[in-house]
Amino acid sequence: MKKLFSLLLILALALSLAACGGSAPADSHTVQDPAATFVPAAPVSAVGTWTLRDSGDPAYAPGQVSLVLDENGGGYRSVTQFKDDFVYADYMELRWSEGSVVIDGVGGITLLEGDTLTVTWNGVTSTYVRTGLAPAPLTPPAGSYTSFAVYEELEEYPDDSFRLLFNADGTGTYTGHGQDLPMTWNRYFINVDGEESFYFVYDGSQLSVFDGEYQIILAAD
């Protein structure tokens, strides 16, 4: 009887071990949540320097026009002009957002495809290609700057001295021709009395202000 009981106990133990070893989940493969590994593509941005490639306007040739679109939604258009064998640049302030751009109060539509930007203004469509990053201009320190040289077609022109006061909050004052006029400014342009805008560049020591065919140099007081 003891032998039979021992055999039955061994048999029960063997069946129990077999059951444990044979049981397994129907599918032991771990399925990973796709959302855990999905990395969304970075949004395509129009920030950069763009150069005219195909012009819809016969007045402009490829390479003659550039657009600078910065990360703040601002920038400018630069047009290379030719007059009497002299080459100079004319600048116009712009505002932009994805899909649209406004230059000098005139709105246009943009279509961005990689490094190609198609722009339509007043029914005229032109294509630009991205040729670099938007330059990061230096901001002039708050203070007063006085003109000391004027150039026309690279030749020195008599300086009719004036002064620009830059406040840190983007306001300021133009002093010249016997009057003081309110002024505002941003990264690229000075606007005097809410009327004319002038493109400027600060190189760390002096200001260069561009007024059509003229370049005016100012130094900190």
C-alpha atoms as a PDB file:
ATOM      1  CA  MET A   1       0.000   0.000   0.000  1.00  0.00           C
ATOM      2  CA  LYS A   2       2.853   2.327   0.879  1.00  0.00           C
ATOM      3  CA  LYS A   3       4.527   1.534  -2.445  1.00  0.00           C
ATOM      4  CA  LEU A   4       1.301   2.283  -4.346  1.00  0.00           C
ATOM      5  CA  PHE A   5       0.819   5.528  -2.449  1.00  0.00           C
ATOM      6  CA  SER A   6       4.424   6.550  -3.238  1.00  0.00           C
ATOM      7  CA  LEU A   7       3.930   5.790  -6.949  1.00  0.00           C
ATOM      8  CA  LEU A   8       0.736   7.831  -7.037  1.00  0.00           C
ATOM      9  CA  LEU A   9       2.525  10.738  -5.299  1.00  0.00           C
ATOM     10  CA  ILE A  10       5.414  10.651  -7.798  1.00  0.00           C
ATOM     11  CA  LEU A  11       2.942  10.503 -10.708  1.00  0.00           C
ATOM     12  CA  ALA A  12       0.984  13.475  -9.352  1.00  0.00           C
ATOM     13  CA  LEU A  13       4.190  15.473  -8.920  1.00  0.00           C
ATOM     14  CA  ALA A  14       5.337  14.665 -12.457  1.00  0.00           C
ATOM     15  CA  LEU A  15       1.964  15.717 -13.913  1.00  0.00           C
ATOM     16  CA  SER A  16       2.100  18.945 -11.928  1.00  0.00           C
ATOM     17  CA  LEU A  17       5.584  19.814 -13.224  1.00  0.00           C
ATOM     18  CA  ALA A  18       4.555  19.018 -16.791  1.00  0.00           C
ATOM     19  CA  ALA A  19       1.561  21.295 -16.488  1.00  0.00           C
ATOM     20  CA  CYS A  20       3.737  24.163 -15.234  1.00  0.00           C
ATOM     21  CA  GLY A  21       6.311  23.734 -17.974  1.00  0.00           C
ATOM     22  CA  GLY A  22       3.797  23.437 -20.741  1.00  0.00           C
ATOM     23  CA  SER A  23       1.714  26.463 -19.871  1.00  0.00           C
ATOM     24  CA  ALA A  24       2.733  29.692 -21.734  1.00  0.00           C
ATOM     25  CA  PRO A  25       0.926  32.745 -23.050  1.00  0.00           C
ATOM     26  CA  ALA A  26      -0.539  32.357 -26.492  1.00  0.00           C
ATOM     27  CA  ASP A  27       1.802  35.105 -27.769  1.00  0.00           C
ATOM     28  CA  SER A  28       4.992  35.852 -25.861  1.00  0.00           C
ATOM     29  CA  HIS A  29       5.991  38.704 -28.265  1.00  0.00           C
ATOM     30  CA  THR A  30       5.833  42.150 -26.606  1.00  0.00           C
ATOM     31  CA  VAL A  31       3.942  44.677 -28.736  1.00  0.00           C
ATOM     32  CA  GLN A  32       5.358  48.226 -28.315  1.00  0.00           C
ATOM     33  CA  ASP A  33       3.030  51.199 -28.338  1.00  0.00           C
ATOM     34  CA  PRO A  34       3.718  53.089 -31.613  1.00  0.00           C
ATOM     35  CA  ALA A  35       3.073  56.380 -29.839  1.00  0.00           C
ATOM     36  CA  ALA A  36       6.033  55.696 -27.555  1.00  0.00           C
ATOM     37  CA  THR A  37       8.539  55.780 -30.438  1.00  0.00           C
ATOM     38  CA  PHE A  38       6.875  58.273 -32.804  1.00  0.00           C
ATOM     39  CA  VAL A  39       8.923  61.425 -33.267  1.00  0.00           C
ATOM     40  CA  PRO A  40       6.985  64.171 -35.027  1.00  0.00           C
ATOM     41  CA  ALA A  41       8.775  65.896 -37.872  1.00  0.00           C
ATOM     42  CA  ALA A  42      10.046  69.382 -37.140  1.00  0.00           C
ATOM     43  CA  PRO A  43       7.802  72.023 -38.673  1.00  0.00           C
ATOM     44  CA  VAL A  44       9.168  73.510 -41.870  1.00  0.00           C
ATOM     45  CA  SER A  45      10.060  77.164 -41.359  1.00  0.00           C
ATOM     46  CA  ALA A  46      10.634  79.966 -43.851  1.00  0.00           C
ATOM     47  CA  VAL A  47      13.319  81.578 -41.661  1.00  0.00           C
ATOM     48  CA  GLY A  48      16.391  82.340 -43.719  1.00  0.00           C
ATOM     49  CA  THR A  49      17.844  84.378 -46.562  1.00  0.00           C
ATOM     50  CA  TRP A  50      16.105  83.887 -49.910  1.00  0.00           C
ATOM     51  CA  THR A  51      17.364  84.901 -53.357  1.00  0.00           C
ATOM     52  CA  LEU A  52      15.227  85.474 -56.429  1.00  0.00           C
ATOM     53  CA  ARG A  53      15.523  82.584 -58.897  1.00  0.00           C
ATOM     54  CA  ASP A  54      12.586  82.944 -61.312  1.00  0.00           C
ATOM     55  CA  SER A  55      11.048  86.397 -61.602  1.00  0.00           C
ATOM     56  CA  GLY A  56       7.476  86.996 -62.701  1.00  0.00           C
ATOM     57  CA  ASP A  57       8.275  90.697 -62.990  1.00  0.00           C
ATOM     58  CA  PRO A  58      10.452  91.696 -65.975  1.00  0.00           C
ATOM     59  CA  ALA A  59      11.811  94.613 -63.917  1.00  0.00           C
ATOM     60  CA  TYR A  60      13.809  92.197 -61.759  1.00  0.00           C
ATOM     61  CA  ALA A  61      16.379  89.641 -62.809  1.00  0.00           C
ATOM     62  CA  PRO A  62      17.408  86.470 -60.953  1.00  0.00           C
ATOM     63  CA  GLY A  63      19.660  87.345 -58.035  1.00  0.00           C
ATOM     64  CA  GLN A  64      18.562  90.977 -57.997  1.00  0.00           C
ATOM     65  CA  VAL A  65      16.130  90.621 -55.082  1.00  0.00           C
ATOM     66  CA  SER A  66      16.697  89.031 -51.670  1.00  0.00           C
ATOM     67  CA  LEU A  67      14.332  88.392 -48.772  1.00  0.00           C
ATOM     68  CA  VAL A  68      15.477  88.047 -45.163  1.00  0.00           C
ATOM     69  CA  LEU A  69      12.881  86.388 -42.914  1.00  0.00           C
ATOM     70  CA  ASP A  70      13.848  86.229 -39.246  1.00  0.00           C
ATOM     71  CA  GLU A  71      12.543  84.133 -36.358  1.00  0.00           C
ATOM     72  CA  ASN A  72      10.472  87.031 -34.987  1.00  0.00           C
ATOM     73  CA  GLY A  73       8.272  87.368 -38.073  1.00  0.00           C
ATOM     74  CA  GLY A  74      10.183  90.401 -39.317  1.00  0.00           C
ATOM     75  CA  GLY A  75      12.807  91.080 -41.936  1.00  0.00           C
ATOM     76  CA  TYR A  76      13.375  93.033 -45.106  1.00  0.00           C
ATOM     77  CA  ARG A  77      13.553  92.897 -48.879  1.00  0.00           C
ATOM     78  CA  SER A  78      16.753  94.045 -50.551  1.00  0.00           C
ATOM     79  CA  VAL A  79      16.716  95.066 -54.216  1.00  0.00           C
ATOM     80  CA  THR A  80      19.965  95.632 -56.090  1.00  0.00           C
ATOM     81  CA  GLN A  81      19.597  98.719 -58.255  1.00  0.00           C
ATOM     82  CA  PHE A  82      21.777  99.884 -61.126  1.00  0.00           C
ATOM     83  CA  LYS A  83      22.123 103.573 -61.947  1.00  0.00           C
ATOM     84  CA  ASP A  84      24.822 105.300 -63.967  1.00  0.00           C
ATOM     85  CA  ASP A  85      27.109 102.282 -63.655  1.00  0.00           C
ATOM     86  CA  PHE A  86      26.720 102.391 -59.860  1.00  0.00           C
ATOM     87  CA  VAL A  87      25.253  99.500 -57.895  1.00  0.00           C
ATOM     88  CA  TYR A  88      23.378 100.115 -54.662  1.00  0.00           C
ATOM     89  CA  ALA A  89      20.738  98.352 -52.569  1.00  0.00           C
ATOM     90  CA  ASP A  90      17.262  99.564 -51.702  1.00  0.00           C
ATOM     91  CA  TYR A  91      15.649  98.117 -48.563  1.00  0.00           C
ATOM     92  CA  MET A  92      11.993  97.697 -47.590  1.00  0.00           C
ATOM     93  CA  GLU A  93      10.720  96.434 -44.248  1.00  0.00           C
ATOM     94  CA  LEU A  94       8.476  93.363 -44.166  1.00  0.00           C
ATOM     95  CA  ARG A  95       6.423  91.250 -41.783  1.00  0.00           C
ATOM     96  CA  TRP A  96       5.766  87.595 -42.414  1.00  0.00           C
ATOM     97  CA  SER A  97       4.042  84.504 -41.078  1.00  0.00           C
ATOM     98  CA  GLU A  98       3.694  81.005 -42.492  1.00  0.00           C
ATOM     99  CA  GLY A  99       1.788  81.457 -45.736  1.00  0.00           C
ATOM    100  CA  SER A 100       1.823  85.236 -45.991  1.00  0.00           C
ATOM    101  CA  VAL A 101       4.106  88.240 -46.189  1.00  0.00           C
ATOM    102  CA  VAL A 102       3.512  91.996 -46.090  1.00  0.00           C
ATOM    103  CA  ILE A 103       5.977  94.473 -47.610  1.00  0.00           C
ATOM    104  CA  ASP A 104       5.361  98.190 -47.303  1.00  0.00           C
ATOM    105  CA  GLY A 105       1.703  97.532 -46.523  1.00  0.00           C
ATOM    106  CA  VAL A 106       1.153  95.252 -49.526  1.00  0.00           C
ATOM    107  CA  GLY A 107       0.228  91.666 -48.706  1.00  0.00           C
ATOM    108  CA  GLY A 108       1.331  88.606 -50.611  1.00  0.00           C
ATOM    109  CA  ILE A 109       0.927  84.839 -50.402  1.00  0.00           C
ATOM    110  CA  THR A 110       3.838  82.457 -49.989  1.00  0.00           C
ATOM    111  CA  LEU A 111       4.076  78.741 -50.691  1.00  0.00           C
ATOM    112  CA  LEU A 112       6.977  76.976 -49.001  1.00  0.00           C
ATOM    113  CA  GLU A 113       8.323  73.692 -50.369  1.00  0.00           C
ATOM    114  CA  GLY A 114      11.589  72.783 -48.691  1.00  0.00           C
ATOM    115  CA  ASP A 115      14.141  75.368 -49.806  1.00  0.00           C
ATOM    116  CA  THR A 116      11.894  76.892 -52.469  1.00  0.00           C
ATOM    117  CA  LEU A 117       9.607  79.822 -51.677  1.00  0.00           C
ATOM    118  CA  THR A 118       6.969  80.931 -54.176  1.00  0.00           C
ATOM    119  CA  VAL A 119       5.702  84.460 -53.577  1.00  0.00           C
ATOM    120  CA  THR A 120       2.713  86.152 -55.223  1.00  0.00           C
ATOM    121  CA  TRP A 121       2.230  89.929 -54.954  1.00  0.00           C
ATOM    122  CA  ASN A 122      -0.461  91.761 -56.914  1.00  0.00           C
ATOM    123  CA  GLY A 123      -0.910  88.779 -59.224  1.00  0.00           C
ATOM    124  CA  VAL A 124       2.829  88.495 -59.981  1.00  0.00           C
ATOM    125  CA  THR A 125       4.439  85.205 -58.926  1.00  0.00           C
ATOM    126  CA  SER A 126       8.185  84.782 -58.382  1.00  0.00           C
ATOM    127  CA  THR A 127      10.265  81.945 -56.976  1.00  0.00           C
ATOM    128  CA  TYR A 128      13.042  82.297 -54.412  1.00  0.00           C
ATOM    129  CA  VAL A 129      15.567  79.734 -53.165  1.00  0.00           C
ATOM    130  CA  ARG A 130      16.982  79.615 -49.643  1.00  0.00           C
ATOM    131  CA  THR A 131      20.645  80.623 -49.796  1.00  0.00           C
ATOM    132  CA  GLY A 132      21.486  80.817 -46.100  1.00  0.00           C
ATOM    133  CA  LEU A 133      20.376  81.554 -42.583  1.00  0.00           C
ATOM    134  CA  ALA A 134      18.811  84.845 -41.574  1.00  0.00           C
ATOM    135  CA  PRO A 135      21.666  87.000 -40.270  1.00  0.00           C
ATOM    136  CA  ALA A 136      21.540  87.923 -36.594  1.00  0.00           C
ATOM    137  CA  PRO A 137      22.067  91.698 -36.511  1.00  0.00           C
ATOM    138  CA  LEU A 138      23.818  93.401 -33.632  1.00  0.00           C
ATOM    139  CA  THR A 139      21.616  95.679 -31.542  1.00  0.00           C
ATOM    140  CA  PRO A 140      23.062  99.133 -30.880  1.00  0.00           C
ATOM    141  CA  PRO A 141      23.359 100.037 -27.186  1.00  0.00           C
ATOM    142  CA  ALA A 142      20.940 102.685 -25.950  1.00  0.00           C
ATOM    143  CA  GLY A 143      22.444 106.116 -26.378  1.00  0.00           C
ATOM    144  CA  SER A 144      23.046 108.987 -28.744  1.00  0.00           C
ATOM    145  CA  TYR A 145      24.719 108.679 -32.158  1.00  0.00           C
ATOM    146  CA  THR A 146      25.889 111.582 -34.340  1.00  0.00           C
ATOM    147  CA  SER A 147      26.514 111.502 -38.083  1.00  0.00           C
ATOM    148  CA  PHE A 148      30.029 112.265 -39.276  1.00  0.00           C
ATOM    149  CA  ALA A 149      30.126 111.093 -42.886  1.00  0.00           C
ATOM    150  CA  VAL A 150      27.741 110.744 -45.814  1.00  0.00           C
ATOM    151  CA  TYR A 151      28.472 108.840 -49.008  1.00  0.00           C
ATOM    152  CA  GLU A 152      26.711 109.023 -52.350  1.00  0.00           C
ATOM    153  CA  GLU A 153      27.786 106.432 -54.890  1.00  0.00           C
ATOM    154  CA  LEU A 154      30.788 105.679 -52.660  1.00  0.00           C
ATOM    155  CA  GLU A 155      31.928 109.323 -52.826  1.00  0.00           C
ATOM    156  CA  GLU A 156      31.904 111.489 -49.712  1.00  0.00           C
ATOM    157  CA  TYR A 157      29.020 113.918 -49.614  1.00  0.00           C
ATOM    158  CA  PRO A 158      28.816 117.074 -47.442  1.00  0.00           C
ATOM    159  CA  ASP A 159      27.580 115.990 -44.020  1.00  0.00           C
ATOM    160  CA  ASP A 160      24.528 117.789 -42.721  1.00  0.00           C
ATOM    161  CA  SER A 161      25.023 116.615 -39.152  1.00  0.00           C
ATOM    162  CA  PHE A 162      22.162 115.127 -37.165  1.00  0.00           C
ATOM    163  CA  ARG A 163      21.744 112.956 -34.082  1.00  0.00           C
ATOM    164  CA  LEU A 164      19.768 109.790 -33.328  1.00  0.00           C
ATOM    165  CA  LEU A 165      18.843 108.871 -29.762  1.00  0.00           C
ATOM    166  CA  PHE A 166      18.173 105.140 -29.237  1.00  0.00           C
ATOM    167  CA  ASN A 167      16.175 104.174 -26.169  1.00  0.00           C
ATOM    168  CA  ALA A 168      16.262 100.559 -24.981  1.00  0.00           C
ATOM    169  CA  ASP A 169      12.496 100.187 -25.437  1.00  0.00           C
ATOM    170  CA  GLY A 170      12.619 100.745 -29.202  1.00  0.00           C
ATOM    171  CA  THR A 171      11.764 104.442 -29.103  1.00  0.00           C
ATOM    172  CA  GLY A 172      14.021 107.427 -29.647  1.00  0.00           C
ATOM    173  CA  THR A 173      14.478 110.910 -31.060  1.00  0.00           C
ATOM    174  CA  TYR A 174      15.795 112.325 -34.325  1.00  0.00           C
ATOM    175  CA  THR A 175      17.483 115.714 -33.871  1.00  0.00           C
ATOM    176  CA  GLY A 176      18.428 117.695 -36.943  1.00  0.00           C
ATOM    177  CA  HIS A 177      17.464 120.521 -39.288  1.00  0.00           C
ATOM    178  CA  GLY A 178      16.364 122.524 -36.265  1.00  0.00           C
ATOM    179  CA  GLN A 179      13.775 120.040 -35.053  1.00  0.00           C
ATOM    180  CA  ASP A 180      13.315 117.063 -32.744  1.00  0.00           C
ATOM    181  CA  LEU A 181      11.160 114.267 -34.122  1.00  0.00           C
ATOM    182  CA  PRO A 182       9.950 111.058 -32.421  1.00  0.00           C
ATOM    183  CA  MET A 183      11.595 107.893 -33.645  1.00  0.00           C
ATOM    184  CA  THR A 184      11.002 104.150 -33.351  1.00  0.00           C
ATOM    185  CA  TRP A 185      13.415 101.380 -34.281  1.00  0.00           C
ATOM    186  CA  ASN A 186      13.751  97.600 -34.526  1.00  0.00           C
ATOM    187  CA  ARG A 187      16.477  95.194 -35.586  1.00  0.00           C
ATOM    188  CA  TYR A 188      16.787  96.610 -39.101  1.00  0.00           C
ATOM    189  CA  PHE A 189      14.909  99.865 -39.517  1.00  0.00           C
ATOM    190  CA  ILE A 190      14.626 103.344 -38.056  1.00  0.00           C
ATOM    191  CA  ASN A 191      11.263 105.049 -38.502  1.00  0.00           C
ATOM    192  CA  VAL A 192      11.225 108.823 -38.088  1.00  0.00           C
ATOM    193  CA  ASP A 193       7.986 110.576 -37.136  1.00  0.00           C
ATOM    194  CA  GLY A 194       5.891 107.594 -38.269  1.00  0.00           C
ATOM    195  CA  GLU A 195       6.759 108.285 -41.896  1.00  0.00           C
ATOM    196  CA  GLU A 196       9.949 107.251 -43.648  1.00  0.00           C
ATOM    197  CA  SER A 197      11.892 104.121 -42.686  1.00  0.00           C
ATOM    198  CA  PHE A 198      15.634 103.776 -43.097  1.00  0.00           C
ATOM    199  CA  TYR A 199      17.564 100.506 -43.060  1.00  0.00           C
ATOM    200  CA  PHE A 200      20.554 100.449 -40.710  1.00  0.00           C
ATOM    201  CA  VAL A 201      23.386  98.138 -39.671  1.00  0.00           C
ATOM    202  CA  TYR A 202      25.325  98.321 -36.410  1.00  0.00           C
ATOM    203  CA  ASP A 203      28.801  96.733 -36.509  1.00  0.00           C
ATOM    204  CA  GLY A 204      29.687  97.086 -32.840  1.00  0.00           C
ATOM    205  CA  SER A 205      31.263 100.528 -33.107  1.00  0.00           C
ATOM    206  CA  GLN A 206      29.194 102.638 -35.489  1.00  0.00           C
ATOM    207  CA  LEU A 207      25.892 102.817 -37.350  1.00  0.00           C
ATOM    208  CA  SER A 208      25.477 102.743 -41.099  1.00  0.00           C
ATOM    209  CA  VAL A 209      22.105 104.137 -42.207  1.00  0.00           C
ATOM    210  CA  PHE A 210      20.994 103.616 -45.802  1.00  0.00           C
ATOM    211  CA  ASP A 211      18.719 106.198 -47.401  1.00  0.00           C
ATOM    212  CA  GLY A 212      18.279 105.140 -51.016  1.00  0.00           C
ATOM    213  CA  GLU A 213      21.490 106.097 -52.770  1.00  0.00           C
ATOM    214  CA  TYR A 214      23.047 107.519 -49.603  1.00  0.00           C
ATOM    215  CA  GLN A 215      24.962 105.820 -46.822  1.00  0.00           C
ATOM    216  CA  ILE A 216      25.261 107.805 -43.583  1.00  0.00           C
ATOM    217  CA  ILE A 217      27.791 106.859 -40.919  1.00  0.00           C
ATOM    218  CA  LEU A 218      27.128 107.683 -37.252  1.00  0.00           C
ATOM    219  CA  ALA A 219      29.241 107.138 -34.135  1.00  0.00           C
ATOM    220  CA  ALA A 220      28.239 106.977 -30.478  1.00  0.00           C
ATOM    221  CA  ASP A 221      28.606 110.264 -28.604  1.00  0.00           C
END
